[in-house]
């Protein structure tokens, strides 16, 4: 499980990605660089968070890339933009899936908070 907080939704997505990579024990090749376009549509912020992290898991598992720069913005129906990262060197802990177990983005006075449970 990972607890994430941020001042707004887009930063929450970034912090969730960084936290997930930390749980996975990611080591990256800083001499390589990859850029991908991301365009995800869903009006529900919890669904969009799961879709975003699932997309990042796909890139790590299937293509061997992890990301650390998220140039994304809200679109009419979701999020869109570019993600920039590196080739994956080491993955010490596999995450099989991002779950919806007790997933709820809570809005506080000065930030958003969420707890994300992963299937490992």
C-alpha atoms as a PDB file:
ATOM      1  CA  UNK A   1       0.000   0.000   0.000  1.00  0.00           C
ATOM      2  CA  UNK A   2       1.130   3.524  -0.750  1.00  0.00           C
ATOM      3  CA  UNK A   3      -0.168   6.757   0.760  1.00  0.00           C
ATOM      4  CA  UNK A   4       0.229   9.801  -1.483  1.00  0.00           C
ATOM      5  CA  UNK A   5      -0.609  13.467  -0.997  1.00  0.00           C
ATOM      6  CA  UNK A   6      -0.170  16.527  -3.194  1.00  0.00           C
ATOM      7  CA  UNK A   7      -1.498  20.061  -3.624  1.00  0.00           C
ATOM      8  CA  UNK A   8      -3.445  19.165  -6.804  1.00  0.00           C
ATOM      9  CA  UNK A   9      -4.481  16.245  -8.980  1.00  0.00           C
ATOM     10  CA  UNK A  10      -1.676  16.403 -11.553  1.00  0.00           C
ATOM     11  CA  UNK A  11       0.991  16.455  -8.845  1.00  0.00           C
ATOM     12  CA  UNK A  12      -0.846  13.586  -7.132  1.00  0.00           C
ATOM     13  CA  UNK A  13      -0.438  11.504 -10.297  1.00  0.00           C
ATOM     14  CA  UNK A  14       3.288  12.285 -10.408  1.00  0.00           C
ATOM     15  CA  UNK A  15       3.800  11.486  -6.707  1.00  0.00           C
ATOM     16  CA  UNK A  16       1.851   8.230  -7.082  1.00  0.00           C
ATOM     17  CA  UNK A  17       4.112   7.206  -9.976  1.00  0.00           C
ATOM     18  CA  UNK A  18       7.281   8.058  -8.045  1.00  0.00           C
ATOM     19  CA  UNK A  19       5.989   6.150  -5.010  1.00  0.00           C
ATOM     20  CA  UNK A  20       5.063   3.112  -7.085  1.00  0.00           C
ATOM     21  CA  UNK A  21       8.524   3.046  -8.677  1.00  0.00           C
ATOM     22  CA  UNK A  22      10.061   3.299  -5.211  1.00  0.00           C
ATOM     23  CA  UNK A  23       8.039   0.286  -4.023  1.00  0.00           C
ATOM     24  CA  UNK A  24       9.228  -1.597  -7.101  1.00  0.00           C
ATOM     25  CA  UNK A  25      12.883  -0.894  -6.310  1.00  0.00           C
ATOM     26  CA  UNK A  26      13.485   0.626  -9.730  1.00  0.00           C
ATOM     27  CA  UNK A  27      16.981   1.425 -10.929  1.00  0.00           C
ATOM     28  CA  UNK A  28      17.217   3.268 -14.227  1.00  0.00           C
ATOM     29  CA  UNK A  29      19.814   3.847 -16.932  1.00  0.00           C
ATOM     30  CA  UNK A  30      20.340   7.599 -16.691  1.00  0.00           C
ATOM     31  CA  UNK A  31      22.245   7.595 -19.996  1.00  0.00           C
ATOM     32  CA  UNK A  32      19.178   6.598 -21.989  1.00  0.00           C
ATOM     33  CA  UNK A  33      16.059   8.649 -22.609  1.00  0.00           C
ATOM     34  CA  UNK A  34      12.605   7.757 -23.867  1.00  0.00           C
ATOM     35  CA  UNK A  35       9.553   9.909 -24.406  1.00  0.00           C
ATOM     36  CA  UNK A  36       5.991   8.673 -24.785  1.00  0.00           C
ATOM     37  CA  UNK A  37       2.717  10.431 -25.445  1.00  0.00           C
ATOM     38  CA  UNK A  38       0.001   9.699 -22.932  1.00  0.00           C
ATOM     39  CA  UNK A  39      -3.695  10.338 -23.509  1.00  0.00           C
ATOM     40  CA  UNK A  40      -6.110   8.741 -21.056  1.00  0.00           C
ATOM     41  CA  UNK A  41      -9.821   9.415 -20.909  1.00  0.00           C
ATOM     42  CA  UNK A  42     -12.068   8.980 -17.911  1.00  0.00           C
ATOM     43  CA  UNK A  43     -14.064  11.556 -16.010  1.00  0.00           C
ATOM     44  CA  UNK A  44     -13.622   9.766 -12.676  1.00  0.00           C
ATOM     45  CA  UNK A  45     -10.345  10.787 -10.983  1.00  0.00           C
ATOM     46  CA  UNK A  46      -9.922   7.457  -9.167  1.00  0.00           C
ATOM     47  CA  UNK A  47     -10.339   5.503 -12.418  1.00  0.00           C
ATOM     48  CA  UNK A  48      -7.927   7.841 -14.176  1.00  0.00           C
ATOM     49  CA  UNK A  49      -5.333   7.339 -11.424  1.00  0.00           C
ATOM     50  CA  UNK A  50      -5.569   3.546 -11.786  1.00  0.00           C
ATOM     51  CA  UNK A  51      -5.376   3.819 -15.588  1.00  0.00           C
ATOM     52  CA  UNK A  52      -2.306   6.070 -15.355  1.00  0.00           C
ATOM     53  CA  UNK A  53      -0.407   3.793 -12.969  1.00  0.00           C
ATOM     54  CA  UNK A  54      -1.437   0.717 -14.973  1.00  0.00           C
ATOM     55  CA  UNK A  55      -0.031   2.342 -18.110  1.00  0.00           C
ATOM     56  CA  UNK A  56       3.258   2.964 -16.300  1.00  0.00           C
ATOM     57  CA  UNK A  57       3.326  -0.670 -15.117  1.00  0.00           C
ATOM     58  CA  UNK A  58       2.841  -1.782 -18.726  1.00  0.00           C
ATOM     59  CA  UNK A  59       5.825   0.283 -19.892  1.00  0.00           C
ATOM     60  CA  UNK A  60       8.002  -1.121 -17.099  1.00  0.00           C
ATOM     61  CA  UNK A  61       6.953  -4.756 -17.559  1.00  0.00           C
ATOM     62  CA  UNK A  62       6.564  -4.995 -21.322  1.00  0.00           C
ATOM     63  CA  UNK A  63       8.878  -2.337 -22.747  1.00  0.00           C
ATOM     64  CA  UNK A  64      11.459  -1.899 -19.987  1.00  0.00           C
ATOM     65  CA  UNK A  65      11.007   1.842 -19.429  1.00  0.00           C
ATOM     66  CA  UNK A  66      10.300   3.928 -16.324  1.00  0.00           C
ATOM     67  CA  UNK A  67       9.444   7.610 -16.191  1.00  0.00           C
ATOM     68  CA  UNK A  68      10.373  10.511 -13.951  1.00  0.00           C
ATOM     69  CA  UNK A  69       9.191  13.590 -15.846  1.00  0.00           C
ATOM     70  CA  UNK A  70       5.453  13.977 -16.325  1.00  0.00           C
ATOM     71  CA  UNK A  71       4.436  16.843 -18.614  1.00  0.00           C
ATOM     72  CA  UNK A  72       0.730  16.213 -18.431  1.00  0.00           C
ATOM     73  CA  UNK A  73      -2.309  18.391 -18.154  1.00  0.00           C
ATOM     74  CA  UNK A  74      -6.016  17.878 -17.793  1.00  0.00           C
ATOM     75  CA  UNK A  75      -7.867  17.448 -21.062  1.00  0.00           C
ATOM     76  CA  UNK A  76     -11.594  17.647 -21.710  1.00  0.00           C
ATOM     77  CA  UNK A  77     -12.099  14.015 -20.784  1.00  0.00           C
ATOM     78  CA  UNK A  78      -8.989  13.017 -18.809  1.00  0.00           C
ATOM     79  CA  UNK A  79      -5.263  13.717 -19.020  1.00  0.00           C
ATOM     80  CA  UNK A  80      -2.872  14.162 -21.918  1.00  0.00           C
ATOM     81  CA  UNK A  81       0.749  15.030 -22.435  1.00  0.00           C
ATOM     82  CA  UNK A  82       4.207  13.518 -22.496  1.00  0.00           C
ATOM     83  CA  UNK A  83       6.099  11.326 -20.083  1.00  0.00           C
ATOM     84  CA  UNK A  84       9.888  11.201 -20.188  1.00  0.00           C
ATOM     85  CA  UNK A  85      12.104   8.570 -18.634  1.00  0.00           C
ATOM     86  CA  UNK A  86      14.843   6.008 -19.002  1.00  0.00           C
ATOM     87  CA  UNK A  87      15.517   2.387 -19.719  1.00  0.00           C
ATOM     88  CA  UNK A  88      14.867   0.125 -16.742  1.00  0.00           C
ATOM     89  CA  UNK A  89      17.983  -1.590 -15.382  1.00  0.00           C
ATOM     90  CA  UNK A  90      16.735  -3.293 -12.204  1.00  0.00           C
ATOM     91  CA  UNK A  91      13.290  -4.097 -10.876  1.00  0.00           C
ATOM     92  CA  UNK A  92      13.587  -5.676  -7.439  1.00  0.00           C
ATOM     93  CA  UNK A  93       9.883  -6.089  -6.651  1.00  0.00           C
ATOM     94  CA  UNK A  94       7.144  -6.862  -9.133  1.00  0.00           C
ATOM     95  CA  UNK A  95       3.773  -5.160  -8.894  1.00  0.00           C
ATOM     96  CA  UNK A  96       1.160  -7.180 -10.768  1.00  0.00           C
ATOM     97  CA  UNK A  97      -1.656  -4.646 -10.698  1.00  0.00           C
ATOM     98  CA  UNK A  98      -3.042  -1.429  -9.289  1.00  0.00           C
ATOM     99  CA  UNK A  99      -6.247  -2.199  -7.387  1.00  0.00           C
ATOM    100  CA  UNK A 100      -9.410  -0.306  -6.541  1.00  0.00           C
ATOM    101  CA  UNK A 101      -9.380  -1.652  -2.961  1.00  0.00           C
ATOM    102  CA  UNK A 102     -10.547   1.256  -0.730  1.00  0.00           C
ATOM    103  CA  UNK A 103      -9.392   3.704  -3.409  1.00  0.00           C
ATOM    104  CA  UNK A 104     -10.759   7.164  -2.737  1.00  0.00           C
ATOM    105  CA  UNK A 105      -9.112  10.519  -3.362  1.00  0.00           C
ATOM    106  CA  UNK A 106      -9.814  12.632  -0.293  1.00  0.00           C
ATOM    107  CA  UNK A 107      -9.909  16.399  -0.637  1.00  0.00           C
ATOM    108  CA  UNK A 108      -8.446  18.200   2.371  1.00  0.00           C
ATOM    109  CA  UNK A 109      -8.227  21.975   2.854  1.00  0.00           C
ATOM    110  CA  UNK A 110      -4.732  22.250   1.386  1.00  0.00           C
ATOM    111  CA  UNK A 111      -4.152  18.970  -0.460  1.00  0.00           C
ATOM    112  CA  UNK A 112      -5.436  15.743  -1.951  1.00  0.00           C
ATOM    113  CA  UNK A 113      -4.713  12.381  -0.321  1.00  0.00           C
ATOM    114  CA  UNK A 114      -5.089   8.807  -1.529  1.00  0.00           C
ATOM    115  CA  UNK A 115      -4.104   5.324  -0.432  1.00  0.00           C
ATOM    116  CA  UNK A 116      -3.280   2.965  -3.276  1.00  0.00           C
ATOM    117  CA  UNK A 117      -3.210  -0.794  -2.788  1.00  0.00           C
ATOM    118  CA  UNK A 118      -1.136  -2.853  -5.216  1.00  0.00           C
ATOM    119  CA  UNK A 119      -1.354  -6.544  -6.056  1.00  0.00           C
ATOM    120  CA  UNK A 120       2.170  -7.936  -5.637  1.00  0.00           C
END
